[in-house]
Structures are given as C-alpha cells and as structure tokens.
Amino acid sequence: MGVQRTVAHVVEADTPPVKGSRFRGRLVPVGDEVEIRQALEDVAREHPQATHHAYAWRLAPDGGRWRAHDAGEPKGTAGLPLMRRLEGSGLVDALLIVTRWYGGTQLGVGGLARAYGDAAAAVLALAPVVERIERRAYALRHAYADGPAVESLLRAAGLEPRESSYTDEVLLVLDVPVADVERLAAALRDATRGHARFDAIAP
C-alpha cells in the first residue's frame, strides 16, 4: 500500500431533521484509544441535551483496529451504518461520531439506519483528507560492535529511533515506511553479517 488516508482536522455537518430528530456528524483525527475517549467525552460535554452519541473508529495500520457503538440505539442501527461509511471512505486514524437529539417520534430500524448513514455521509463529504506515508513499528536488536555500521545505515535512510535501550545488546524502535522495509532488512543483514534482528512490532 505505502500511503494512508486520514483526516487533517475536526469537521462537523448537520443533516435535515428527520421526524423532529436532529443529527450532527463529527469527524475527528485520532492516534490512539486515549484520544478517542477524550473526543467522545468532549462531544458529550458539549451537547449534554443530546440523547445519543453513536460512533465508529478505525486506527492504522490499514484500519485493523476498529470499533462501532450504537450508544443505546437498537442494535445495528447506528454504529454499523457509521462503520460502513467510514470503511468506504478508506480513512484510518479517524473517529466518526453522530449525535442525535430525539424529536419525539420513533424512526424505526430502517429509518434510524438511514438517518445515521446520511449524517455520516454528510460529514465525510466535507472531510479534509490528507495522505501520508504508511509506517510500521519495528524492533532492531544488534550487538554493540555493529553500532557504527547500523548508525550509518539508519542515517542514510533518514530514520531516527523513537526509543532505545542498552543492555547486553542495543534495542532500537523504528517507524519504518512500509515500502522500505524489505530493502532496510536486507541492508541490515549485510551491514551486520546477518547478526542483527529486525522484527515487526504488533500494533
């Protein structure tokens, strides 16, 4: 893949009321579940009179971590329509929230699913999409004697470790562009005579 699509900043959109119920979509860029919880708390605090805050989110890589929540609506009528729209957009590291203010008239299962899906589509249509290089976390372990060769190789590749530790060997955590993984692995094998260990870190 190599490139990921995400949202640049928070965006909101309202849709026409449905039998008195109002729906507002909000799309939020997020990096982890802590940021997701904070964004959900922010919405609940901003709109205390709302009856529901349904949501769906996808986190990189490839949207492999995700969740959808109906927020008290009948099962499958809110979170699932939001997730389908979010998946269809191809966005990752994104939280889609649709807030509902109940208008006094039941919408039925089909009506609810359409209303939530329409609100999701409206805000996604306004999404300020940005593309970025897809990266994966890797752990690089090598002997101290191989340090100069490894440092030179990483410098040439423009990679700066985000974590490091030094015990009986050196451990470096790197965020590596997916497109460069195989080339870097081969270069590390050559530079350390096959001694370095280069392993993907599970998300």
N, C-alpha and C. Protein backbone atom coordinates (compact mmCIF):
# COMPACT_ATOMS: atom_id res chain seq x y z
N MET A 1 0.84 -1.19 0.00
CA MET A 1 0.00 0.00 0.00
C MET A 1 0.87 1.24 0.00
N GLY A 2 1.58 1.52 1.09
CA GLY A 2 2.53 2.62 1.12
C GLY A 2 2.00 3.95 1.58
N VAL A 3 0.72 4.26 1.24
CA VAL A 3 0.14 5.55 1.58
C VAL A 3 -1.16 5.34 2.35
N GLN A 4 -1.35 6.12 3.39
CA GLN A 4 -2.58 6.09 4.16
C GLN A 4 -3.33 7.40 3.99
N ARG A 5 -4.67 7.31 4.08
CA ARG A 5 -5.51 8.49 4.01
C ARG A 5 -6.11 8.73 5.40
N THR A 6 -6.02 9.97 5.88
CA THR A 6 -6.60 10.31 7.16
C THR A 6 -7.20 11.71 7.06
N VAL A 7 -7.76 12.18 8.15
CA VAL A 7 -8.42 13.47 8.16
C VAL A 7 -7.51 14.51 8.81
N ALA A 8 -7.44 15.70 8.23
CA ALA A 8 -6.49 16.71 8.68
C ALA A 8 -6.92 17.38 9.98
N HIS A 9 -8.22 17.62 10.14
CA HIS A 9 -8.70 18.30 11.35
C HIS A 9 -10.17 17.99 11.55
N VAL A 10 -10.70 18.40 12.69
CA VAL A 10 -12.10 18.13 13.03
C VAL A 10 -13.03 18.86 12.06
N VAL A 11 -14.08 18.15 11.64
CA VAL A 11 -15.09 18.76 10.79
C VAL A 11 -16.46 18.25 11.23
N GLU A 12 -17.49 19.09 11.09
CA GLU A 12 -18.85 18.74 11.50
C GLU A 12 -19.82 19.05 10.38
N ALA A 13 -20.97 18.36 10.41
CA ALA A 13 -22.02 18.63 9.43
C ALA A 13 -23.36 18.23 10.04
N ASP A 14 -24.38 19.05 9.82
CA ASP A 14 -25.75 18.75 10.23
C ASP A 14 -26.54 18.28 9.01
N THR A 15 -27.52 17.43 9.25
CA THR A 15 -28.42 17.00 8.18
C THR A 15 -29.83 17.48 8.52
N PRO A 16 -30.72 17.55 7.53
CA PRO A 16 -32.09 18.00 7.81
C PRO A 16 -32.75 17.11 8.86
N PRO A 17 -33.56 17.68 9.75
CA PRO A 17 -34.23 16.87 10.78
C PRO A 17 -35.09 15.77 10.15
N VAL A 18 -35.17 14.65 10.87
CA VAL A 18 -35.98 13.52 10.45
C VAL A 18 -37.05 13.30 11.50
N LYS A 19 -38.31 13.63 11.18
CA LYS A 19 -39.43 13.50 12.11
C LYS A 19 -39.10 14.14 13.46
N GLY A 20 -38.47 15.30 13.41
CA GLY A 20 -38.16 16.04 14.63
C GLY A 20 -36.81 15.73 15.24
N SER A 21 -36.21 14.60 14.89
CA SER A 21 -34.88 14.27 15.43
C SER A 21 -33.81 14.99 14.61
N ARG A 22 -32.83 15.53 15.32
CA ARG A 22 -31.71 16.19 14.67
C ARG A 22 -30.46 15.32 14.75
N PHE A 23 -29.65 15.36 13.71
CA PHE A 23 -28.43 14.56 13.65
C PHE A 23 -27.27 15.46 13.25
N ARG A 24 -26.16 15.30 13.96
CA ARG A 24 -24.94 16.05 13.63
C ARG A 24 -23.76 15.09 13.59
N GLY A 25 -23.05 15.09 12.47
CA GLY A 25 -21.86 14.26 12.35
C GLY A 25 -20.61 15.04 12.69
N ARG A 26 -19.67 14.36 13.31
CA ARG A 26 -18.36 14.94 13.61
C ARG A 26 -17.29 13.92 13.26
N LEU A 27 -16.27 14.36 12.52
CA LEU A 27 -15.14 13.51 12.15
C LEU A 27 -13.89 14.07 12.80
N VAL A 28 -13.18 13.22 13.54
CA VAL A 28 -12.06 13.66 14.36
C VAL A 28 -10.81 12.84 14.04
N PRO A 29 -9.67 13.50 13.81
CA PRO A 29 -8.42 12.74 13.66
C PRO A 29 -7.96 12.24 15.02
N VAL A 30 -7.60 10.97 15.12
CA VAL A 30 -7.16 10.38 16.39
C VAL A 30 -5.96 9.48 16.14
N GLY A 31 -5.15 9.30 17.19
CA GLY A 31 -3.97 8.45 17.06
C GLY A 31 -4.01 7.19 17.90
N ASP A 32 -4.87 7.17 18.92
CA ASP A 32 -4.96 6.01 19.79
C ASP A 32 -6.28 6.06 20.55
N GLU A 33 -6.51 5.05 21.40
CA GLU A 33 -7.78 4.96 22.10
C GLU A 33 -7.92 6.00 23.20
N VAL A 34 -6.81 6.51 23.70
CA VAL A 34 -6.88 7.61 24.69
C VAL A 34 -7.48 8.85 24.03
N GLU A 35 -7.02 9.17 22.82
CA GLU A 35 -7.56 10.33 22.10
C GLU A 35 -9.02 10.10 21.71
N ILE A 36 -9.37 8.86 21.41
CA ILE A 36 -10.77 8.55 21.08
C ILE A 36 -11.66 8.81 22.29
N ARG A 37 -11.27 8.32 23.45
CA ARG A 37 -12.08 8.54 24.66
C ARG A 37 -12.22 10.02 24.96
N GLN A 38 -11.14 10.78 24.77
CA GLN A 38 -11.19 12.21 25.03
C GLN A 38 -12.15 12.91 24.07
N ALA A 39 -12.11 12.53 22.80
CA ALA A 39 -13.00 13.14 21.82
C ALA A 39 -14.47 12.82 22.12
N LEU A 40 -14.75 11.61 22.57
CA LEU A 40 -16.11 11.23 22.93
C LEU A 40 -16.58 12.00 24.16
N GLU A 41 -15.69 12.16 25.12
CA GLU A 41 -16.04 12.94 26.31
C GLU A 41 -16.30 14.40 25.94
N ASP A 42 -15.52 14.93 25.01
CA ASP A 42 -15.71 16.31 24.57
C ASP A 42 -17.09 16.51 23.96
N VAL A 43 -17.51 15.58 23.11
CA VAL A 43 -18.82 15.69 22.47
C VAL A 43 -19.94 15.61 23.51
N ALA A 44 -19.81 14.67 24.44
CA ALA A 44 -20.84 14.52 25.48
C ALA A 44 -20.94 15.77 26.34
N ARG A 45 -19.79 16.40 26.61
CA ARG A 45 -19.78 17.61 27.42
C ARG A 45 -20.36 18.81 26.64
N GLU A 46 -20.08 18.87 25.37
CA GLU A 46 -20.58 19.98 24.55
C GLU A 46 -22.08 19.90 24.31
N HIS A 47 -22.62 18.68 24.25
CA HIS A 47 -24.04 18.51 23.92
C HIS A 47 -24.73 17.66 24.98
N PRO A 48 -24.85 18.16 26.19
CA PRO A 48 -25.43 17.35 27.27
C PRO A 48 -26.91 17.02 27.07
N GLN A 49 -27.61 17.79 26.22
CA GLN A 49 -29.03 17.52 25.98
C GLN A 49 -29.27 16.48 24.90
N ALA A 50 -28.21 16.08 24.20
CA ALA A 50 -28.36 15.06 23.15
C ALA A 50 -28.72 13.73 23.77
N THR A 51 -29.46 12.91 23.02
CA THR A 51 -29.89 11.61 23.54
C THR A 51 -28.94 10.47 23.19
N HIS A 52 -28.16 10.62 22.10
CA HIS A 52 -27.27 9.54 21.68
C HIS A 52 -26.01 10.14 21.04
N HIS A 53 -24.90 9.46 21.26
CA HIS A 53 -23.63 9.79 20.59
C HIS A 53 -23.07 8.48 20.02
N ALA A 54 -23.61 8.05 18.89
CA ALA A 54 -23.13 6.81 18.25
C ALA A 54 -21.79 7.09 17.58
N TYR A 55 -20.96 6.05 17.46
CA TYR A 55 -19.65 6.30 16.87
C TYR A 55 -19.06 5.05 16.23
N ALA A 56 -18.05 5.30 15.40
CA ALA A 56 -17.22 4.24 14.82
C ALA A 56 -15.84 4.82 14.62
N TRP A 57 -14.82 3.97 14.80
CA TRP A 57 -13.45 4.44 14.59
C TRP A 57 -12.59 3.35 13.96
N ARG A 58 -11.54 3.80 13.26
CA ARG A 58 -10.56 2.90 12.65
C ARG A 58 -9.18 3.48 12.93
N LEU A 59 -8.27 2.62 13.38
CA LEU A 59 -6.89 3.03 13.62
C LEU A 59 -5.95 2.29 12.69
N ALA A 60 -4.88 2.96 12.30
CA ALA A 60 -3.85 2.34 11.46
C ALA A 60 -3.15 1.23 12.26
N PRO A 61 -2.49 0.27 11.58
CA PRO A 61 -2.36 0.18 10.13
C PRO A 61 -3.57 -0.45 9.47
N ASP A 62 -3.92 0.09 8.32
CA ASP A 62 -4.97 -0.46 7.46
C ASP A 62 -6.34 -0.53 8.12
N GLY A 63 -6.57 0.27 9.17
CA GLY A 63 -7.85 0.19 9.84
C GLY A 63 -8.05 -1.11 10.57
N GLY A 64 -6.94 -1.80 10.89
CA GLY A 64 -7.02 -3.12 11.51
C GLY A 64 -7.60 -3.10 12.92
N ARG A 65 -7.53 -1.98 13.59
CA ARG A 65 -8.19 -1.83 14.90
C ARG A 65 -9.39 -0.94 14.70
N TRP A 66 -10.56 -1.41 15.12
CA TRP A 66 -11.78 -0.64 14.89
C TRP A 66 -12.82 -0.98 15.95
N ARG A 67 -13.83 -0.12 16.02
CA ARG A 67 -14.96 -0.39 16.92
C ARG A 67 -16.14 0.46 16.47
N ALA A 68 -17.34 -0.09 16.66
CA ALA A 68 -18.57 0.64 16.38
C ALA A 68 -19.49 0.50 17.58
N HIS A 69 -20.22 1.57 17.90
CA HIS A 69 -21.07 1.57 19.10
C HIS A 69 -22.40 2.24 18.79
N ASP A 70 -23.50 1.57 19.17
CA ASP A 70 -24.84 2.09 18.89
C ASP A 70 -25.31 3.15 19.89
N ALA A 71 -24.63 3.26 21.02
CA ALA A 71 -24.95 4.29 22.02
C ALA A 71 -26.41 4.27 22.46
N GLY A 72 -26.95 3.07 22.65
CA GLY A 72 -28.31 2.97 23.17
C GLY A 72 -29.38 2.84 22.11
N GLU A 73 -29.03 3.02 20.85
CA GLU A 73 -29.99 2.80 19.78
C GLU A 73 -30.14 1.29 19.55
N PRO A 74 -31.22 0.85 18.88
CA PRO A 74 -31.36 -0.58 18.59
C PRO A 74 -30.14 -1.12 17.87
N LYS A 75 -29.77 -2.34 18.19
CA LYS A 75 -28.55 -2.94 17.67
C LYS A 75 -28.48 -2.86 16.15
N GLY A 76 -27.34 -2.38 15.67
CA GLY A 76 -27.10 -2.33 14.24
C GLY A 76 -27.67 -1.14 13.51
N THR A 77 -28.35 -0.24 14.23
CA THR A 77 -28.99 0.90 13.55
C THR A 77 -28.13 2.15 13.52
N ALA A 78 -27.05 2.18 14.29
CA ALA A 78 -26.24 3.41 14.38
C ALA A 78 -24.76 3.13 14.13
N GLY A 79 -24.15 2.35 15.00
CA GLY A 79 -22.72 2.09 14.86
C GLY A 79 -22.36 1.41 13.56
N LEU A 80 -23.15 0.44 13.13
CA LEU A 80 -22.84 -0.30 11.90
C LEU A 80 -22.93 0.60 10.65
N PRO A 81 -23.99 1.40 10.49
CA PRO A 81 -24.00 2.31 9.35
C PRO A 81 -22.82 3.29 9.35
N LEU A 82 -22.41 3.73 10.53
CA LEU A 82 -21.25 4.63 10.60
C LEU A 82 -19.98 3.91 10.17
N MET A 83 -19.80 2.67 10.63
CA MET A 83 -18.60 1.93 10.27
C MET A 83 -18.55 1.66 8.78
N ARG A 84 -19.69 1.33 8.19
CA ARG A 84 -19.71 1.08 6.75
C ARG A 84 -19.28 2.32 5.97
N ARG A 85 -19.78 3.47 6.39
CA ARG A 85 -19.40 4.72 5.71
C ARG A 85 -17.92 5.02 5.92
N LEU A 86 -17.43 4.80 7.14
CA LEU A 86 -16.03 5.09 7.44
C LEU A 86 -15.11 4.17 6.66
N GLU A 87 -15.45 2.88 6.62
CA GLU A 87 -14.65 1.94 5.83
C GLU A 87 -14.65 2.32 4.36
N GLY A 88 -15.82 2.70 3.87
CA GLY A 88 -15.93 3.08 2.47
C GLY A 88 -15.08 4.29 2.11
N SER A 89 -14.84 5.16 3.09
CA SER A 89 -14.02 6.35 2.84
C SER A 89 -12.54 6.02 2.73
N GLY A 90 -12.14 4.87 3.30
CA GLY A 90 -10.73 4.49 3.30
C GLY A 90 -9.89 5.21 4.34
N LEU A 91 -10.52 6.00 5.20
CA LEU A 91 -9.78 6.77 6.20
C LEU A 91 -9.36 5.89 7.37
N VAL A 92 -8.17 6.13 7.90
CA VAL A 92 -7.71 5.50 9.13
C VAL A 92 -7.35 6.59 10.13
N ASP A 93 -7.13 6.18 11.37
CA ASP A 93 -6.86 7.13 12.45
C ASP A 93 -7.94 8.21 12.47
N ALA A 94 -9.19 7.74 12.39
CA ALA A 94 -10.33 8.65 12.32
C ALA A 94 -11.46 8.14 13.20
N LEU A 95 -12.13 9.05 13.87
CA LEU A 95 -13.29 8.77 14.71
C LEU A 95 -14.49 9.49 14.11
N LEU A 96 -15.55 8.75 13.82
CA LEU A 96 -16.78 9.31 13.27
C LEU A 96 -17.86 9.22 14.34
N ILE A 97 -18.40 10.37 14.73
CA ILE A 97 -19.44 10.44 15.77
C ILE A 97 -20.68 11.06 15.15
N VAL A 98 -21.84 10.48 15.41
CA VAL A 98 -23.10 11.12 15.03
C VAL A 98 -23.93 11.30 16.29
N THR A 99 -24.22 12.55 16.58
CA THR A 99 -25.00 12.92 17.76
C THR A 99 -26.46 13.09 17.35
N ARG A 100 -27.37 12.53 18.16
CA ARG A 100 -28.80 12.64 17.87
C ARG A 100 -29.52 13.33 19.02
N TRP A 101 -30.41 14.24 18.64
CA TRP A 101 -31.36 14.83 19.58
C TRP A 101 -32.73 14.26 19.22
N TYR A 102 -33.29 13.47 20.09
CA TYR A 102 -34.56 12.78 19.82
C TYR A 102 -35.70 13.79 19.68
N GLY A 103 -36.50 13.59 18.63
CA GLY A 103 -37.56 14.55 18.34
C GLY A 103 -38.95 14.13 18.77
N GLY A 104 -39.07 12.98 19.46
CA GLY A 104 -40.37 12.59 19.97
C GLY A 104 -41.11 11.56 19.12
N THR A 105 -40.57 11.24 17.94
CA THR A 105 -41.21 10.26 17.07
C THR A 105 -40.23 9.14 16.74
N GLN A 106 -40.66 7.90 16.91
CA GLN A 106 -39.82 6.76 16.60
C GLN A 106 -39.56 6.69 15.09
N LEU A 107 -38.34 6.38 14.71
CA LEU A 107 -37.98 6.32 13.30
C LEU A 107 -37.99 4.91 12.74
N GLY A 108 -38.03 3.93 13.60
CA GLY A 108 -37.97 2.55 13.14
C GLY A 108 -36.54 2.16 12.79
N VAL A 109 -36.30 0.86 12.69
CA VAL A 109 -34.94 0.36 12.44
C VAL A 109 -34.39 0.90 11.13
N GLY A 110 -35.15 0.80 10.06
CA GLY A 110 -34.67 1.27 8.78
C GLY A 110 -34.47 2.78 8.75
N GLY A 111 -35.39 3.50 9.37
CA GLY A 111 -35.27 4.95 9.40
C GLY A 111 -34.06 5.42 10.18
N LEU A 112 -33.79 4.75 11.29
CA LEU A 112 -32.61 5.10 12.09
C LEU A 112 -31.33 4.85 11.30
N ALA A 113 -31.24 3.67 10.69
CA ALA A 113 -30.03 3.33 9.93
C ALA A 113 -29.80 4.34 8.81
N ARG A 114 -30.88 4.73 8.12
CA ARG A 114 -30.73 5.72 7.04
C ARG A 114 -30.29 7.07 7.59
N ALA A 115 -30.88 7.49 8.70
CA ALA A 115 -30.56 8.80 9.26
C ALA A 115 -29.11 8.85 9.73
N TYR A 116 -28.65 7.81 10.40
CA TYR A 116 -27.25 7.79 10.85
C TYR A 116 -26.30 7.70 9.65
N GLY A 117 -26.67 6.88 8.67
CA GLY A 117 -25.83 6.77 7.49
C GLY A 117 -25.75 8.08 6.72
N ASP A 118 -26.88 8.79 6.62
CA ASP A 118 -26.89 10.08 5.92
C ASP A 118 -26.02 11.11 6.64
N ALA A 119 -26.10 11.12 7.97
CA ALA A 119 -25.28 12.07 8.74
C ALA A 119 -23.80 11.76 8.58
N ALA A 120 -23.47 10.47 8.56
CA ALA A 120 -22.07 10.07 8.35
C ALA A 120 -21.59 10.50 6.97
N ALA A 121 -22.43 10.27 5.96
CA ALA A 121 -22.04 10.64 4.59
C ALA A 121 -21.85 12.15 4.46
N ALA A 122 -22.68 12.92 5.14
CA ALA A 122 -22.59 14.37 5.04
C ALA A 122 -21.27 14.89 5.59
N VAL A 123 -20.85 14.37 6.73
CA VAL A 123 -19.60 14.87 7.32
C VAL A 123 -18.39 14.32 6.57
N LEU A 124 -18.48 13.09 6.09
CA LEU A 124 -17.36 12.53 5.33
C LEU A 124 -17.17 13.28 4.01
N ALA A 125 -18.25 13.80 3.46
CA ALA A 125 -18.13 14.55 2.21
C ALA A 125 -17.34 15.84 2.39
N LEU A 126 -17.29 16.33 3.63
CA LEU A 126 -16.55 17.56 3.93
C LEU A 126 -15.15 17.29 4.46
N ALA A 127 -14.79 16.03 4.58
CA ALA A 127 -13.52 15.66 5.24
C ALA A 127 -12.32 16.25 4.51
N PRO A 128 -11.46 16.97 5.25
CA PRO A 128 -10.20 17.46 4.69
C PRO A 128 -9.17 16.33 4.71
N VAL A 129 -9.16 15.54 3.64
CA VAL A 129 -8.33 14.33 3.60
C VAL A 129 -6.87 14.67 3.29
N VAL A 130 -5.97 14.03 4.02
CA VAL A 130 -4.54 14.16 3.74
C VAL A 130 -3.96 12.76 3.57
N GLU A 131 -2.94 12.66 2.76
CA GLU A 131 -2.25 11.40 2.57
C GLU A 131 -0.90 11.45 3.26
N ARG A 132 -0.49 10.33 3.79
CA ARG A 132 0.80 10.25 4.49
C ARG A 132 1.44 8.91 4.19
N ILE A 133 2.72 8.86 4.37
CA ILE A 133 3.45 7.61 4.16
C ILE A 133 3.08 6.62 5.26
N GLU A 134 2.69 5.42 4.86
CA GLU A 134 2.34 4.39 5.84
C GLU A 134 3.61 3.84 6.48
N ARG A 135 3.62 3.82 7.80
CA ARG A 135 4.78 3.32 8.54
C ARG A 135 4.35 2.21 9.49
N ARG A 136 5.29 1.33 9.78
CA ARG A 136 5.09 0.26 10.76
C ARG A 136 6.23 0.31 11.77
N ALA A 137 5.93 -0.09 13.00
CA ALA A 137 6.95 -0.10 14.05
C ALA A 137 7.76 -1.40 13.98
N TYR A 138 9.08 -1.24 14.06
CA TYR A 138 10.00 -2.38 14.05
C TYR A 138 10.99 -2.27 15.19
N ALA A 139 11.34 -3.43 15.75
CA ALA A 139 12.38 -3.50 16.78
C ALA A 139 13.66 -4.00 16.13
N LEU A 140 14.72 -3.24 16.28
CA LEU A 140 16.04 -3.61 15.74
C LEU A 140 16.97 -3.89 16.90
N ARG A 141 17.48 -5.12 16.96
CA ARG A 141 18.42 -5.52 18.01
C ARG A 141 19.76 -5.85 17.35
N HIS A 142 20.83 -5.28 17.91
CA HIS A 142 22.14 -5.55 17.33
C HIS A 142 23.22 -5.47 18.40
N ALA A 143 24.36 -6.05 18.12
CA ALA A 143 25.49 -6.03 19.04
C ALA A 143 26.15 -4.65 19.02
N TYR A 144 26.82 -4.32 20.12
CA TYR A 144 27.50 -3.02 20.20
C TYR A 144 28.54 -2.87 19.09
N ALA A 145 29.17 -3.97 18.75
CA ALA A 145 30.22 -3.90 17.73
C ALA A 145 29.67 -3.48 16.36
N ASP A 146 28.38 -3.73 16.13
CA ASP A 146 27.77 -3.37 14.85
C ASP A 146 27.18 -1.96 14.88
N GLY A 147 27.32 -1.27 16.00
CA GLY A 147 26.73 0.05 16.15
C GLY A 147 27.09 1.05 15.06
N PRO A 148 28.37 1.25 14.76
CA PRO A 148 28.74 2.24 13.73
C PRO A 148 28.11 1.94 12.37
N ALA A 149 28.10 0.68 11.97
CA ALA A 149 27.53 0.32 10.68
C ALA A 149 26.02 0.56 10.66
N VAL A 150 25.37 0.19 11.77
CA VAL A 150 23.92 0.37 11.85
C VAL A 150 23.56 1.86 11.86
N GLU A 151 24.28 2.64 12.65
CA GLU A 151 24.01 4.08 12.73
C GLU A 151 24.18 4.74 11.37
N SER A 152 25.22 4.35 10.63
CA SER A 152 25.46 4.92 9.31
C SER A 152 24.32 4.56 8.36
N LEU A 153 23.87 3.32 8.43
CA LEU A 153 22.79 2.87 7.55
C LEU A 153 21.49 3.62 7.86
N LEU A 154 21.17 3.75 9.15
CA LEU A 154 19.93 4.44 9.53
C LEU A 154 19.98 5.91 9.15
N ARG A 155 21.14 6.52 9.33
CA ARG A 155 21.29 7.93 8.97
C ARG A 155 21.06 8.13 7.47
N ALA A 156 21.61 7.23 6.67
CA ALA A 156 21.43 7.32 5.21
C ALA A 156 19.98 7.12 4.81
N ALA A 157 19.26 6.31 5.60
CA ALA A 157 17.84 6.05 5.31
C ALA A 157 16.93 7.13 5.89
N GLY A 158 17.50 8.06 6.64
CA GLY A 158 16.70 9.13 7.25
C GLY A 158 15.83 8.65 8.38
N LEU A 159 16.25 7.61 9.08
CA LEU A 159 15.47 7.04 10.18
C LEU A 159 16.08 7.40 11.52
N GLU A 160 15.25 7.90 12.42
CA GLU A 160 15.67 8.25 13.77
C GLU A 160 14.89 7.38 14.75
N PRO A 161 15.56 6.58 15.59
CA PRO A 161 14.83 5.73 16.55
C PRO A 161 13.97 6.57 17.48
N ARG A 162 12.76 6.08 17.75
CA ARG A 162 11.91 6.78 18.71
C ARG A 162 12.09 6.25 20.12
N GLU A 163 12.71 5.09 20.23
CA GLU A 163 13.04 4.53 21.54
C GLU A 163 14.37 3.78 21.42
N SER A 164 15.11 3.72 22.51
CA SER A 164 16.35 2.95 22.51
C SER A 164 16.64 2.46 23.92
N SER A 165 17.28 1.31 24.00
CA SER A 165 17.73 0.79 25.29
C SER A 165 19.03 0.03 25.07
N TYR A 166 19.83 -0.01 26.13
CA TYR A 166 21.18 -0.59 26.02
C TYR A 166 21.40 -1.53 27.20
N THR A 167 21.38 -2.83 26.92
CA THR A 167 21.65 -3.85 27.95
C THR A 167 22.82 -4.69 27.46
N ASP A 168 22.61 -5.97 27.26
CA ASP A 168 23.68 -6.79 26.69
C ASP A 168 23.74 -6.61 25.17
N GLU A 169 22.75 -5.91 24.62
CA GLU A 169 22.72 -5.56 23.21
C GLU A 169 21.98 -4.23 23.07
N VAL A 170 21.96 -3.70 21.88
CA VAL A 170 21.26 -2.44 21.61
C VAL A 170 19.88 -2.76 21.04
N LEU A 171 18.86 -2.10 21.58
CA LEU A 171 17.50 -2.24 21.07
C LEU A 171 17.02 -0.87 20.60
N LEU A 172 16.62 -0.78 19.34
CA LEU A 172 16.10 0.45 18.76
C LEU A 172 14.69 0.20 18.24
N VAL A 173 13.78 1.11 18.50
CA VAL A 173 12.42 1.04 17.94
C VAL A 173 12.33 2.08 16.84
N LEU A 174 11.97 1.62 15.64
CA LEU A 174 11.94 2.48 14.46
C LEU A 174 10.56 2.47 13.82
N ASP A 175 10.13 3.61 13.31
CA ASP A 175 8.93 3.69 12.49
C ASP A 175 9.39 3.73 11.03
N VAL A 176 9.19 2.61 10.35
CA VAL A 176 9.77 2.42 9.02
C VAL A 176 8.69 2.52 7.94
N PRO A 177 8.93 3.30 6.89
CA PRO A 177 7.98 3.30 5.77
C PRO A 177 7.79 1.89 5.24
N VAL A 178 6.54 1.49 5.05
CA VAL A 178 6.25 0.12 4.62
C VAL A 178 6.99 -0.22 3.33
N ALA A 179 7.06 0.74 2.43
CA ALA A 179 7.70 0.49 1.14
C ALA A 179 9.20 0.22 1.27
N ASP A 180 9.80 0.61 2.40
CA ASP A 180 11.26 0.47 2.57
C ASP A 180 11.66 -0.72 3.44
N VAL A 181 10.70 -1.45 3.97
CA VAL A 181 11.01 -2.50 4.95
C VAL A 181 11.95 -3.56 4.39
N GLU A 182 11.63 -4.12 3.25
CA GLU A 182 12.44 -5.21 2.72
C GLU A 182 13.85 -4.73 2.38
N ARG A 183 13.95 -3.55 1.81
CA ARG A 183 15.26 -3.01 1.46
C ARG A 183 16.10 -2.76 2.71
N LEU A 184 15.47 -2.23 3.76
CA LEU A 184 16.20 -1.96 5.00
C LEU A 184 16.63 -3.26 5.66
N ALA A 185 15.74 -4.26 5.67
CA ALA A 185 16.08 -5.55 6.27
C ALA A 185 17.29 -6.17 5.59
N ALA A 186 17.33 -6.11 4.26
CA ALA A 186 18.47 -6.67 3.52
C ALA A 186 19.75 -5.90 3.83
N ALA A 187 19.65 -4.56 3.91
CA ALA A 187 20.83 -3.75 4.20
C ALA A 187 21.36 -4.04 5.60
N LEU A 188 20.46 -4.25 6.55
CA LEU A 188 20.88 -4.56 7.92
C LEU A 188 21.58 -5.92 7.99
N ARG A 189 21.06 -6.89 7.24
CA ARG A 189 21.70 -8.20 7.21
C ARG A 189 23.13 -8.07 6.68
N ASP A 190 23.28 -7.29 5.61
CA ASP A 190 24.61 -7.13 5.01
C ASP A 190 25.55 -6.38 5.96
N ALA A 191 25.03 -5.34 6.60
CA ALA A 191 25.88 -4.49 7.45
C ALA A 191 26.33 -5.19 8.72
N THR A 192 25.55 -6.18 9.18
CA THR A 192 25.87 -6.84 10.45
C THR A 192 26.22 -8.31 10.25
N ARG A 193 26.46 -8.70 8.99
CA ARG A 193 26.78 -10.10 8.67
C ARG A 193 25.69 -11.05 9.18
N GLY A 194 24.46 -10.59 9.10
CA GLY A 194 23.32 -11.42 9.46
C GLY A 194 23.05 -11.51 10.94
N HIS A 195 23.75 -10.75 11.77
CA HIS A 195 23.59 -10.85 13.22
C HIS A 195 22.42 -10.04 13.76
N ALA A 196 22.09 -8.92 13.12
CA ALA A 196 21.01 -8.06 13.64
C ALA A 196 19.67 -8.76 13.50
N ARG A 197 18.77 -8.48 14.45
CA ARG A 197 17.40 -8.99 14.39
C ARG A 197 16.48 -7.79 14.15
N PHE A 198 15.62 -7.92 13.15
CA PHE A 198 14.74 -6.85 12.72
C PHE A 198 13.32 -7.38 12.64
N ASP A 199 12.50 -7.07 13.66
CA ASP A 199 11.19 -7.70 13.78
C ASP A 199 10.08 -6.66 13.89
N ALA A 200 8.97 -6.93 13.22
CA ALA A 200 7.80 -6.05 13.30
C ALA A 200 7.21 -6.12 14.70
N ILE A 201 6.75 -4.99 15.19
CA ILE A 201 6.08 -4.92 16.49
C ILE A 201 4.58 -4.95 16.24
N ALA A 202 3.88 -5.84 16.88
CA ALA A 202 2.43 -5.95 16.69
C ALA A 202 1.75 -4.67 17.15
N PRO A 203 0.77 -4.19 16.37
CA PRO A 203 0.07 -2.96 16.76
C PRO A 203 -0.76 -3.18 18.00
